[in-house]
Amino acid sequence: MPKSRLRKNRSRVSQAIEPTPLAVIKESPRWLAPLMVTAFLAGLFWIVIFYVSGTQYPIPNIGSWNMLVGFVFIGFGFTLATRWK
């Protein structure tokens, strides 16, 4: 039995090959990169101050929870980094 010819759907093929227009590609807001770097540095400095001060500062009454505060700043920086284009 002869095999029937397969038709190509041209609309699907042409949509898959077409590049996205430049107007569709979005850029990051101008405030995102400085805030991201600031969050990274704030977390880093928080943890460094905690270690250098002998676990007394930046907030004396919370003790080792200062580490968590520093990592929250760093985590916020990573969250912003995922949105950077």
PDB file of N, CA and C in Angstrom:
ATOM      1  N   MET A   1       0.839  -1.158   0.000  1.00  0.00           N
ATOM      2  CA  MET A   1       0.000   0.000   0.000  1.00  0.00           C
ATOM      3  C   MET A   1       0.899   1.240   0.000  1.00  0.00           C
ATOM      4  N   PRO A   2       0.618   2.201  -0.843  1.00  0.00           N
ATOM      5  CA  PRO A   2       1.456   3.406  -0.915  1.00  0.00           C
ATOM      6  C   PRO A   2       1.262   4.283   0.326  1.00  0.00           C
ATOM      7  N   LYS A   3       2.351   4.914   0.717  1.00  0.00           N
ATOM      8  CA  LYS A   3       2.314   5.781   1.889  1.00  0.00           C
ATOM      9  C   LYS A   3       1.868   7.176   1.462  1.00  0.00           C
ATOM     10  N   SER A   4       0.977   7.778   2.227  1.00  0.00           N
ATOM     11  CA  SER A   4       0.488   9.107   1.870  1.00  0.00           C
ATOM     12  C   SER A   4       1.532  10.163   2.218  1.00  0.00           C
ATOM     13  N   ARG A   5       1.464  11.237   1.479  1.00  0.00           N
ATOM     14  CA  ARG A   5       2.394  12.335   1.689  1.00  0.00           C
ATOM     15  C   ARG A   5       2.044  13.093   2.963  1.00  0.00           C
ATOM     16  N   LEU A   6       3.060  13.470   3.744  1.00  0.00           N
ATOM     17  CA  LEU A   6       2.839  14.256   4.949  1.00  0.00           C
ATOM     18  C   LEU A   6       2.920  15.732   4.612  1.00  0.00           C
ATOM     19  N   ARG A   7       1.974  16.479   5.085  1.00  0.00           N
ATOM     20  CA  ARG A   7       1.977  17.919   4.849  1.00  0.00           C
ATOM     21  C   ARG A   7       2.629  18.624   6.032  1.00  0.00           C
ATOM     22  N   LYS A   8       3.365  19.655   5.717  1.00  0.00           N
ATOM     23  CA  LYS A   8       3.974  20.462   6.766  1.00  0.00           C
ATOM     24  C   LYS A   8       3.066  21.654   7.036  1.00  0.00           C
ATOM     25  N   ASN A   9       2.874  21.918   8.301  1.00  0.00           N
ATOM     26  CA  ASN A   9       2.086  23.075   8.674  1.00  0.00           C
ATOM     27  C   ASN A   9       3.023  24.276   8.653  1.00  0.00           C
ATOM     28  N   ARG A  10       2.872  25.106   7.663  1.00  0.00           N
ATOM     29  CA  ARG A  10       3.816  26.204   7.468  1.00  0.00           C
ATOM     30  C   ARG A  10       3.715  27.259   8.554  1.00  0.00           C
ATOM     31  N   SER A  11       2.563  27.447   9.131  1.00  0.00           N
ATOM     32  CA  SER A  11       2.431  28.467  10.166  1.00  0.00           C
ATOM     33  C   SER A  11       3.247  28.096  11.408  1.00  0.00           C
ATOM     34  N   ARG A  12       3.262  26.826  11.782  1.00  0.00           N
ATOM     35  CA  ARG A  12       4.057  26.402  12.942  1.00  0.00           C
ATOM     36  C   ARG A  12       5.546  26.471  12.648  1.00  0.00           C
ATOM     37  N   VAL A  13       5.937  26.088  11.471  1.00  0.00           N
ATOM     38  CA  VAL A  13       7.349  26.091  11.112  1.00  0.00           C
ATOM     39  C   VAL A  13       7.870  27.520  11.051  1.00  0.00           C
ATOM     40  N   SER A  14       7.115  28.431  10.455  1.00  0.00           N
ATOM     41  CA  SER A  14       7.585  29.801  10.326  1.00  0.00           C
ATOM     42  C   SER A  14       7.637  30.501  11.677  1.00  0.00           C
ATOM     43  N   GLN A  15       6.752  30.156  12.603  1.00  0.00           N
ATOM     44  CA  GLN A  15       6.781  30.776  13.923  1.00  0.00           C
ATOM     45  C   GLN A  15       7.982  30.282  14.726  1.00  0.00           C
ATOM     46  N   ALA A  16       8.341  29.036  14.560  1.00  0.00           N
ATOM     47  CA  ALA A  16       9.451  28.492  15.321  1.00  0.00           C
ATOM     48  C   ALA A  16      10.793  29.047  14.844  1.00  0.00           C
ATOM     49  N   ILE A  17      10.894  29.377  13.578  1.00  0.00           N
ATOM     50  CA  ILE A  17      12.161  29.842  13.022  1.00  0.00           C
ATOM     51  C   ILE A  17      12.352  31.343  13.210  1.00  0.00           C
ATOM     52  N   GLU A  18      11.265  32.107  13.265  1.00  0.00           N
ATOM     53  CA  GLU A  18      11.373  33.552  13.360  1.00  0.00           C
ATOM     54  C   GLU A  18      12.041  33.967  14.668  1.00  0.00           C
ATOM     55  N   PRO A  19      13.010  34.871  14.571  1.00  0.00           N
ATOM     56  CA  PRO A  19      13.616  35.370  15.804  1.00  0.00           C
ATOM     57  C   PRO A  19      12.662  36.338  16.501  1.00  0.00           C
ATOM     58  N   THR A  20      12.846  36.472  17.805  1.00  0.00           N
ATOM     59  CA  THR A  20      11.982  37.385  18.540  1.00  0.00           C
ATOM     60  C   THR A  20      12.372  38.825  18.203  1.00  0.00           C
ATOM     61  N   PRO A  21      11.398  39.689  18.052  1.00  0.00           N
ATOM     62  CA  PRO A  21      11.732  41.085  17.758  1.00  0.00           C
ATOM     63  C   PRO A  21      12.418  41.739  18.954  1.00  0.00           C
ATOM     64  N   LEU A  22      13.223  42.744  18.676  1.00  0.00           N
ATOM     65  CA  LEU A  22      13.973  43.397  19.739  1.00  0.00           C
ATOM     66  C   LEU A  22      13.061  44.132  20.707  1.00  0.00           C
ATOM     67  N   ALA A  23      11.899  44.523  20.263  1.00  0.00           N
ATOM     68  CA  ALA A  23      10.984  45.242  21.144  1.00  0.00           C
ATOM     69  C   ALA A  23      10.445  44.330  22.246  1.00  0.00           C
ATOM     70  N   VAL A  24      10.412  43.025  22.021  1.00  0.00           N
ATOM     71  CA  VAL A  24       9.885  42.093  23.005  1.00  0.00           C
ATOM     72  C   VAL A  24      10.896  41.862  24.134  1.00  0.00           C
ATOM     73  N   ILE A  25      12.182  41.912  23.842  1.00  0.00           N
ATOM     74  CA  ILE A  25      13.220  41.669  24.841  1.00  0.00           C
ATOM     75  C   ILE A  25      13.243  42.846  25.809  1.00  0.00           C
ATOM     76  N   LYS A  26      13.028  42.549  27.099  1.00  0.00           N
ATOM     77  CA  LYS A  26      12.994  43.604  28.104  1.00  0.00           C
ATOM     78  C   LYS A  26      14.358  43.748  28.758  1.00  0.00           C
ATOM     79  N   GLU A  27      14.624  44.956  29.194  1.00  0.00           N
ATOM     80  CA  GLU A  27      15.848  45.218  29.934  1.00  0.00           C
ATOM     81  C   GLU A  27      15.528  45.323  31.408  1.00  0.00           C
ATOM     82  N   SER A  28      16.535  45.183  32.209  1.00  0.00           N
ATOM     83  CA  SER A  28      16.365  45.316  33.650  1.00  0.00           C
ATOM     84  C   SER A  28      16.144  46.783  34.005  1.00  0.00           C
ATOM     85  N   PRO A  29      15.415  47.031  35.086  1.00  0.00           N
ATOM     86  CA  PRO A  29      15.314  48.413  35.551  1.00  0.00           C
ATOM     87  C   PRO A  29      16.677  48.919  35.992  1.00  0.00           C
ATOM     88  N   ARG A  30      16.855  50.211  35.953  1.00  0.00           N
ATOM     89  CA  ARG A  30      18.167  50.790  36.265  1.00  0.00           C
ATOM     90  C   ARG A  30      18.547  50.599  37.725  1.00  0.00           C
ATOM     91  N   TRP A  31      17.582  50.447  38.604  1.00  0.00           N
ATOM     92  CA  TRP A  31      17.849  50.339  40.038  1.00  0.00           C
ATOM     93  C   TRP A  31      18.233  48.919  40.445  1.00  0.00           C
ATOM     94  N   LEU A  32      18.014  47.941  39.586  1.00  0.00           N
ATOM     95  CA  LEU A  32      18.186  46.548  39.991  1.00  0.00           C
ATOM     96  C   LEU A  32      19.640  46.189  40.269  1.00  0.00           C
ATOM     97  N   ALA A  33      20.533  46.520  39.374  1.00  0.00           N
ATOM     98  CA  ALA A  33      21.952  46.139  39.560  1.00  0.00           C
ATOM     99  C   ALA A  33      22.573  46.817  40.780  1.00  0.00           C
ATOM    100  N   PRO A  34      22.369  48.132  40.991  1.00  0.00           N
ATOM    101  CA  PRO A  34      22.952  48.727  42.201  1.00  0.00           C
ATOM    102  C   PRO A  34      22.372  48.142  43.495  1.00  0.00           C
ATOM    103  N   LEU A  35      21.067  47.853  43.497  1.00  0.00           N
ATOM    104  CA  LEU A  35      20.459  47.265  44.694  1.00  0.00           C
ATOM    105  C   LEU A  35      20.983  45.850  44.931  1.00  0.00           C
ATOM    106  N   MET A  36      21.189  45.099  43.861  1.00  0.00           N
ATOM    107  CA  MET A  36      21.708  43.738  43.974  1.00  0.00           C
ATOM    108  C   MET A  36      23.118  43.750  44.573  1.00  0.00           C
ATOM    109  N   VAL A  37      23.975  44.597  44.054  1.00  0.00           N
ATOM    110  CA  VAL A  37      25.349  44.684  44.552  1.00  0.00           C
ATOM    111  C   VAL A  37      25.357  45.184  45.998  1.00  0.00           C
ATOM    112  N   THR A  38      24.484  46.144  46.306  1.00  0.00           N
ATOM    113  CA  THR A  38      24.394  46.661  47.672  1.00  0.00           C
ATOM    114  C   THR A  38      23.960  45.577  48.639  1.00  0.00           C
ATOM    115  N   ALA A  39      23.003  44.740  48.242  1.00  0.00           N
ATOM    116  CA  ALA A  39      22.542  43.654  49.107  1.00  0.00           C
ATOM    117  C   ALA A  39      23.660  42.639  49.341  1.00  0.00           C
ATOM    118  N   PHE A  40      24.402  42.294  48.284  1.00  0.00           N
ATOM    119  CA  PHE A  40      25.533  41.373  48.447  1.00  0.00           C
ATOM    120  C   PHE A  40      26.567  41.936  49.424  1.00  0.00           C
ATOM    121  N   LEU A  41      26.930  43.200  49.212  1.00  0.00           N
ATOM    122  CA  LEU A  41      27.957  43.808  50.058  1.00  0.00           C
ATOM    123  C   LEU A  41      27.484  44.003  51.494  1.00  0.00           C
ATOM    124  N   ALA A  42      26.213  44.364  51.676  1.00  0.00           N
ATOM    125  CA  ALA A  42      25.677  44.539  53.029  1.00  0.00           C
ATOM    126  C   ALA A  42      25.723  43.214  53.787  1.00  0.00           C
ATOM    127  N   GLY A  43      25.346  42.134  53.135  1.00  0.00           N
ATOM    128  CA  GLY A  43      25.417  40.821  53.776  1.00  0.00           C
ATOM    129  C   GLY A  43      26.839  40.425  54.105  1.00  0.00           C
ATOM    130  N   LEU A  44      27.744  40.685  53.171  1.00  0.00           N
ATOM    131  CA  LEU A  44      29.149  40.347  53.397  1.00  0.00           C
ATOM    132  C   LEU A  44      29.718  41.141  54.565  1.00  0.00           C
ATOM    133  N   PHE A  45      29.480  42.460  54.577  1.00  0.00           N
ATOM    134  CA  PHE A  45      29.999  43.292  55.659  1.00  0.00           C
ATOM    135  C   PHE A  45      29.359  42.933  56.996  1.00  0.00           C
ATOM    136  N   TRP A  46      28.086  42.574  56.979  1.00  0.00           N
ATOM    137  CA  TRP A  46      27.410  42.180  58.215  1.00  0.00           C
ATOM    138  C   TRP A  46      28.101  40.964  58.834  1.00  0.00           C
ATOM    139  N   ILE A  47      28.392  39.975  57.993  1.00  0.00           N
ATOM    140  CA  ILE A  47      29.033  38.753  58.489  1.00  0.00           C
ATOM    141  C   ILE A  47      30.479  39.022  58.907  1.00  0.00           C
ATOM    142  N   VAL A  48      31.196  39.850  58.157  1.00  0.00           N
ATOM    143  CA  VAL A  48      32.586  40.175  58.514  1.00  0.00           C
ATOM    144  C   VAL A  48      32.630  40.929  59.841  1.00  0.00           C
ATOM    145  N   ILE A  49      31.738  41.895  60.033  1.00  0.00           N
ATOM    146  CA  ILE A  49      31.703  42.634  61.300  1.00  0.00           C
ATOM    147  C   ILE A  49      31.366  41.691  62.449  1.00  0.00           C
ATOM    148  N   PHE A  50      30.480  40.757  62.208  1.00  0.00           N
ATOM    149  CA  PHE A  50      30.113  39.784  63.244  1.00  0.00           C
ATOM    150  C   PHE A  50      31.338  38.964  63.683  1.00  0.00           C
ATOM    151  N   TYR A  51      32.130  38.510  62.722  1.00  0.00           N
ATOM    152  CA  TYR A  51      33.305  37.705  63.066  1.00  0.00           C
ATOM    153  C   TYR A  51      34.430  38.543  63.669  1.00  0.00           C
ATOM    154  N   VAL A  52      34.678  39.721  63.099  1.00  0.00           N
ATOM    155  CA  VAL A  52      35.788  40.552  63.566  1.00  0.00           C
ATOM    156  C   VAL A  52      35.519  41.066  64.981  1.00  0.00           C
ATOM    157  N   SER A  53      34.266  41.347  65.305  1.00  0.00           N
ATOM    158  CA  SER A  53      33.942  41.887  66.627  1.00  0.00           C
ATOM    159  C   SER A  53      33.870  40.802  67.697  1.00  0.00           C
ATOM    160  N   GLY A  54      34.130  39.582  67.349  1.00  0.00           N
ATOM    161  CA  GLY A  54      34.069  38.496  68.321  1.00  0.00           C
ATOM    162  C   GLY A  54      32.632  38.140  68.683  1.00  0.00           C
ATOM    163  N   THR A  55      31.774  38.146  67.704  1.00  0.00           N
ATOM    164  CA  THR A  55      30.341  37.817  67.796  1.00  0.00           C
ATOM    165  C   THR A  55      29.553  38.768  68.706  1.00  0.00           C
ATOM    166  N   GLN A  56      30.004  40.022  68.820  1.00  0.00           N
ATOM    167  CA  GLN A  56      29.311  41.001  69.652  1.00  0.00           C
ATOM    168  C   GLN A  56      28.464  41.977  68.833  1.00  0.00           C
ATOM    169  N   TYR A  57      28.891  42.300  67.658  1.00  0.00           N
ATOM    170  CA  TYR A  57      28.191  43.295  66.827  1.00  0.00           C
ATOM    171  C   TYR A  57      27.732  42.652  65.547  1.00  0.00           C
ATOM    172  N   PRO A  58      26.945  43.193  64.738  1.00  0.00           N
ATOM    173  CA  PRO A  58      26.261  44.476  64.642  1.00  0.00           C
ATOM    174  C   PRO A  58      25.093  44.633  65.624  1.00  0.00           C
ATOM    175  N   ILE A  59      24.378  43.574  65.973  1.00  0.00           N
ATOM    176  CA  ILE A  59      23.314  43.685  66.971  1.00  0.00           C
ATOM    177  C   ILE A  59      23.727  42.784  68.136  1.00  0.00           C
ATOM    178  N   PRO A  60      24.092  43.374  69.264  1.00  0.00           N
ATOM    179  CA  PRO A  60      24.666  42.569  70.352  1.00  0.00           C
ATOM    180  C   PRO A  60      23.706  41.569  70.983  1.00  0.00           C
ATOM    181  N   ASN A  61      22.441  41.842  71.056  1.00  0.00           N
ATOM    182  CA  ASN A  61      21.531  41.006  71.832  1.00  0.00           C
ATOM    183  C   ASN A  61      21.049  39.754  71.109  1.00  0.00           C
ATOM    184  N   ILE A  62      21.289  39.639  69.821  1.00  0.00           N
ATOM    185  CA  ILE A  62      20.748  38.469  69.119  1.00  0.00           C
ATOM    186  C   ILE A  62      21.789  37.383  68.886  1.00  0.00           C
ATOM    187  N   GLY A  63      23.027  37.656  69.232  1.00  0.00           N
ATOM    188  CA  GLY A  63      24.071  36.625  69.174  1.00  0.00           C
ATOM    189  C   GLY A  63      24.323  36.094  67.771  1.00  0.00           C
ATOM    190  N   SER A  64      24.257  34.775  67.629  1.00  0.00           N
ATOM    191  CA  SER A  64      24.581  34.126  66.354  1.00  0.00           C
ATOM    192  C   SER A  64      23.526  34.336  65.275  1.00  0.00           C
ATOM    193  N   TRP A  65      22.392  34.877  65.656  1.00  0.00           N
ATOM    194  CA  TRP A  65      21.370  35.177  64.645  1.00  0.00           C
ATOM    195  C   TRP A  65      21.840  36.273  63.685  1.00  0.00           C
ATOM    196  N   ASN A  66      22.916  36.968  64.046  1.00  0.00           N
ATOM    197  CA  ASN A  66      23.501  37.951  63.130  1.00  0.00           C
ATOM    198  C   ASN A  66      23.951  37.288  61.828  1.00  0.00           C
ATOM    199  N   MET A  67      24.368  36.037  61.924  1.00  0.00           N
ATOM    200  CA  MET A  67      24.744  35.303  60.704  1.00  0.00           C
ATOM    201  C   MET A  67      23.548  35.169  59.769  1.00  0.00           C
ATOM    202  N   LEU A  68      22.393  34.846  60.348  1.00  0.00           N
ATOM    203  CA  LEU A  68      21.182  34.709  59.545  1.00  0.00           C
ATOM    204  C   LEU A  68      20.824  36.031  58.871  1.00  0.00           C
ATOM    205  N   VAL A  69      20.974  37.121  59.592  1.00  0.00           N
ATOM    206  CA  VAL A  69      20.675  38.435  59.008  1.00  0.00           C
ATOM    207  C   VAL A  69      21.591  38.698  57.814  1.00  0.00           C
ATOM    208  N   GLY A  70      22.874  38.383  57.952  1.00  0.00           N
ATOM    209  CA  GLY A  70      23.810  38.563  56.840  1.00  0.00           C
ATOM    210  C   GLY A  70      23.454  37.692  55.652  1.00  0.00           C
ATOM    211  N   PHE A  71      23.066  36.449  55.907  1.00  0.00           N
ATOM    212  CA  PHE A  71      22.694  35.560  54.801  1.00  0.00           C
ATOM    213  C   PHE A  71      21.362  35.950  54.165  1.00  0.00           C
ATOM    214  N   VAL A  72      20.490  36.593  54.923  1.00  0.00           N
ATOM    215  CA  VAL A  72      19.240  37.093  54.330  1.00  0.00           C
ATOM    216  C   VAL A  72      19.554  38.188  53.319  1.00  0.00           C
ATOM    217  N   PHE A  73      20.481  39.088  53.663  1.00  0.00           N
ATOM    218  CA  PHE A  73      20.902  40.113  52.702  1.00  0.00           C
ATOM    219  C   PHE A  73      21.484  39.470  51.436  1.00  0.00           C
ATOM    220  N   ILE A  74      22.334  38.476  51.614  1.00  0.00           N
ATOM    221  CA  ILE A  74      22.948  37.802  50.465  1.00  0.00           C
ATOM    222  C   ILE A  74      21.891  37.060  49.650  1.00  0.00           C
ATOM    223  N   GLY A  75      20.951  36.417  50.316  1.00  0.00           N
ATOM    224  CA  GLY A  75      19.864  35.734  49.607  1.00  0.00           C
ATOM    225  C   GLY A  75      18.997  36.699  48.826  1.00  0.00           C
ATOM    226  N   PHE A  76      18.757  37.879  49.398  1.00  0.00           N
ATOM    227  CA  PHE A  76      18.009  38.909  48.674  1.00  0.00           C
ATOM    228  C   PHE A  76      18.773  39.350  47.432  1.00  0.00           C
ATOM    229  N   GLY A  77      20.088  39.456  47.546  1.00  0.00           N
ATOM    230  CA  GLY A  77      20.907  39.796  46.381  1.00  0.00           C
ATOM    231  C   GLY A  77      20.817  38.734  45.295  1.00  0.00           C
ATOM    232  N   PHE A  78      20.819  37.458  45.687  1.00  0.00           N
ATOM    233  CA  PHE A  78      20.673  36.381  44.698  1.00  0.00           C
ATOM    234  C   PHE A  78      19.299  36.393  44.064  1.00  0.00           C
ATOM    235  N   THR A  79      18.277  36.715  44.831  1.00  0.00           N
ATOM    236  CA  THR A  79      16.921  36.811  44.267  1.00  0.00           C
ATOM    237  C   THR A  79      16.867  37.916  43.212  1.00  0.00           C
ATOM    238  N   LEU A  80      17.499  39.031  43.491  1.00  0.00           N
ATOM    239  CA  LEU A  80      17.536  40.109  42.502  1.00  0.00           C
ATOM    240  C   LEU A  80      18.378  39.719  41.288  1.00  0.00           C
ATOM    241  N   ALA A  81      19.419  38.924  41.508  1.00  0.00           N
ATOM    242  CA  ALA A  81      20.290  38.510  40.401  1.00  0.00           C
ATOM    243  C   ALA A  81      19.536  37.631  39.404  1.00  0.00           C
ATOM    244  N   THR A  82      18.543  36.898  39.866  1.00  0.00           N
ATOM    245  CA  THR A  82      17.793  36.055  38.936  1.00  0.00           C
ATOM    246  C   THR A  82      16.893  36.877  38.025  1.00  0.00           C
ATOM    247  N   ARG A  83      16.616  38.100  38.386  1.00  0.00           N
ATOM    248  CA  ARG A  83      15.762  38.970  37.565  1.00  0.00           C
ATOM    249  C   ARG A  83      16.543  39.891  36.654  1.00  0.00           C
ATOM    250  N   TRP A  84      17.871  39.834  36.740  1.00  0.00           N
ATOM    251  CA  TRP A  84      18.719  40.719  35.951  1.00  0.00           C
ATOM    252  C   TRP A  84      18.867  40.178  34.544  1.00  0.00           C
ATOM    253  N   LYS A  85      18.644  41.025  33.559  1.00  0.00           N
ATOM    254  CA  LYS A  85      18.764  40.619  32.150  1.00  0.00           C
ATOM    255  C   LYS A  85      19.844  41.402  31.466  1.00  0.00           C
TER     256      LYS A  85
END
